[in-house]
Structure formats: structure tokens, C-alpha cells
Amino acid sequence: MRVAILGGGPAGYEAALVAAQLGAQVTVVDRDGLGGSCVLTDCVPSKTLIATSELMEQLAGADELGVRFKSAEAKHASWDDADPASPPDVVTVSAPVVNARVKRLALAQSMDVAARLAREGIDVIQGTGMFVEPHRIAVAQTVAGEGSGETMIESDVVLICTGAHPRVVPGAEPDGERILSWRDVYDLTDVPERLVVVGSGVTGAEFASAFQAMGSAVTLVSSRDRVLPGEDADAAGLIESVFSRRGMTVVKQARAESVRRTTDGVVVTLADGREIAGSHALMTVGSVPSTDGMGLDKVGIVVDERGFITVDKVSRTSAPGVYAAGDCTGVLMLASVAAMQGRIAMWHALGEAVQPLRLDTVSATVFTDPEIAAVGVSQADVESGAVLAQTIKLPLATNARAKMQGVTDGFVKLFARPGSTTILGGVVVAPRASELILSVSLAVQHGITAEQFAHTFSIYPSLSGSLTEAARQLMRSPPAIPAAGS
């Protein structure tokens, strides 16, 4: 079986590994570097940058934990004479050093992916693929960014996973210097003095949080009535309050219409005529699929009104034998989902038993400080009546480990089915919530009850102890009463 994969991001390289494991002859066509945007420009770089911002935020609370900072001149003075000023006053971030590390780690991860594919005997062609027929791909090959001829690939199965790229607002086109997309920030020579972040979704909130921690004065522009409109309302409200307490300006129900350069910065013009000045503007207003010029229409591949490829739950497109996975499908723009879509596509195409994609078991994290992680049903599902569930929410402020670490912001929330107390979902707002959510994901995936969860040992003291405590409280909570007429 011959498999052609267009795109070397998480969907593409994970699918390639599955196909090779099943004995297929696999060719990956990759344009920008293995690992794709996730590894080279988006997820890996942004979380590497955030690692620096997390350390800065931890240092900001060092005084409470008894840590003092002394200047070189005062290094022989007693600790009692140390300046108790908050670390942002005495510790700074070197943008060139941070960005060099970001790029170094991204390249290393890409090289690791390339080495793994090579070990599995997977062919990789650097270039761009275009459909000639449903199973015939013309590849414009490139070497070091220069064209070097065309190769034709014949295949039995095709997987499209070409990803997505930042959406550009007319009148606010990034210039890489002052008006930035999130892919431009790693070329900055200094941390922006006054950063205007346009867009308060996951990407906007993450970068706003990170740059504020690294010393920028941040203004976050949200077109909605709150930041993170797609997240749990309690979690989003907490993050917004943390942002404000740390000095961020949040401008809500405001849509940016244009951004113009000034002598030493930018001015963001809002739809209502207001103007916001800054040294830089960061545009985080969503993504569009990278599918132009592929000839999808010539082979009958259906896309939606936004250009995303339409797929079913096993990643099939409307063209027989052609699958699609990852951000180009618009299903749920997470690397974990892209990878699973790619694996499912290959398992299905190559005749293996496969379970269709279950979005209700996908966990996701917003890497602000603190982080938000969630899985399963949501508070909105419960409040709308779409799901009947008991809800427990516990603040982290009463958790012993949180007190030791100086953590005051955060909570855990669990949703359970009335009667059986089967865990249906949960939300964690905490440092490293991305790690803490795994136990809730396991519960949702495998139908674990609150009683089973509560009877599982947790470490004392630990933040995860709040999850088992929430489960214990669910055990004795009265079942929810259905609303009249439901």
C-alpha cells in the first residue's frame, strides 16, 4: 500500500509512523520543516517562551517565600539589608537570549522528528504538493528554499495535513517589526515596552500573560464581553481578574479595525473610533487553513465556507481514499487532536479496527499563569440544560500545598452524572493544570465514578488532592433536580 502525506506536522508525522508500522510505503511531502508550524513557529516556540515568563512570575512572588535579591555591590551585606523589591524591579529578560533558545529548541525538536521518520524508512520530499488526480500528486520540490523541479507521486491513500496560518486583518498587516503575528515575536531584539494584543482567545491570552510577566505593559483588546470567551466562565473570570491585578489593561467589547505605524510605535484604531497607542501590536485573531493552490476542487474535495476541509470522524474527505487531519480541517486546533486524527486516518485506511474521534474526551489547556485545563462537558452544557450534572467547585486557596507554594489563584471543578456519579468532565485552574487534568481525562475516558475517584490515593500535600476531595464531596451531594419541562 502506497501512502502519500501532505504536511509534516503532528498529524502528518504521527500518521506516517502508524502507516509505516502497518507495512505501508510512506512518502511525506513537507514544505517548511518536519514538525510543521506546531514545532517550528507555534506551539513549541510559544510554550518555550512561556517557560521564561513562568519563571519571572515565580520570582515575582519570591519575597513572600523569603527569597531576597541583592545587588553585586551589596553581596556582602546582611540579608536584613537586602532590597525586598519585587523581582521585576531587579530581574530582566534578555529577548535575544530567550528567542535564541526558542529557535534552538524548535529546530532540535524538528530534527528529532526527522530522525525518527528516517529510522522507520519513511521517504520525505521537501516541497509543495498539488492534486492532479485524487491519488496523483505533483510535488514542486525545493531545496534550501529554491525550486528544483517537479516530482509526481502515485498513491493508494492520501492524507492532507497542511495546517493553518495566522489570519490577517486588512489594514493591520504584520510587518515583522512593530505590527506582529505570533510567528514574528521570536525575532524581536527587545521585550516590547508597551504591547497591544489584539484578540483575547487562547493565543492572545497566552501571549498577553507571558509578555506581562516578562516586563511589558500590556493592553489586551477583546471583541467580546470577557477574555477567553470559549473557556469555562469561572476560569476566564479568574484569569481576567489576575490580569487586571498584575497591571494589564483589558479593553472589552472592542473590535480593532486597523493598526498603523508611528515614529516610535503603533496606534490601534477600534471600530468605535478609540485609539490605543503602544510600542508594538500583536495580532491574534484566529487562523485560516493552508489549502490554497492545492487543487482540492479539481478532485472533488469539499471545503466549508471558511476553506477548512470537511471530514468525518475517521478523517475521510468527500474524495474516496483521500483523508485530512489537523488544523486544515478546523475540527479542534490542538496538536493532540491533529495527531489522533492522523493516526485514525491511517488505521482506517489500512484496514485496522479504529474508534472514531471522540471530541468529548479531548483535554485542552490555556497556558496562561495560572493555566486553565478542561475536559469533557462544560459549565455551559450544564447551565443550558444540554447535560444534567452535579457540579463541585473547590478553591485552591484552602489546599495545603497551594499555601506552601504561595498559590492563591485557582480552583478545581468536577461534573458528575446524578445518581451514578460518573465523572463527565472537569476544569482545573492552577499552576501546571496541564498536568493535573490527566486524572480527570482518564475518568472521563473510562467512565470512572466519583466514588472510584475518591477512593484513589492522592499525595498529601498536593494540588491533586483537591481533585480527590472534590470527588468525595460529589459522593454526598444530592442529585440535581431537572428543570421544569426538561
Foldseek 3Di string as FASTA:
>chain_A
DEEEEEAQALLRLLLLVLLLVVPYAYEYEHAPFHNPCCLAFPVQLLVLLLVVLVVLVLQQCVVVLPDFDADPVCPVPDPVPTDSHGCVVPDADFLLVSLVVSNVRSVVVRVVSVVVCVVSVHHYFHFGWADPEPQKIKTQGDDPRHTDDIDIGGGQFYEYEHAWDADDAVQQGDPLAFRAESRSSSVDRGLWQEEEEEEQALVSQSVQQSSLSNHHAYEYEELAQFGHVVDAPVLRVLSVVVCVVSRHHYHYNWHWRHWDDDPQHIWTATPVGDIDTTNHYYYHDDIAAPCPPRHCVVHPFDADPRQATDADQLQDTPHPNYGYFENSNVPDHDSVRRNVSSNSVSCVSSPHDHDGDDQQLDWDWRVHVQIKIKHFDHPVCCVVLVDFWDKDKAFCCPQPVCVSSVHRGWIKMWTAAAPQQQTGMIMTGHHPVVVLCVVSSVSNVVRNHLVNLLPDDDDPRDSNVRVSVRSVVSVPDHGDDRDPPD
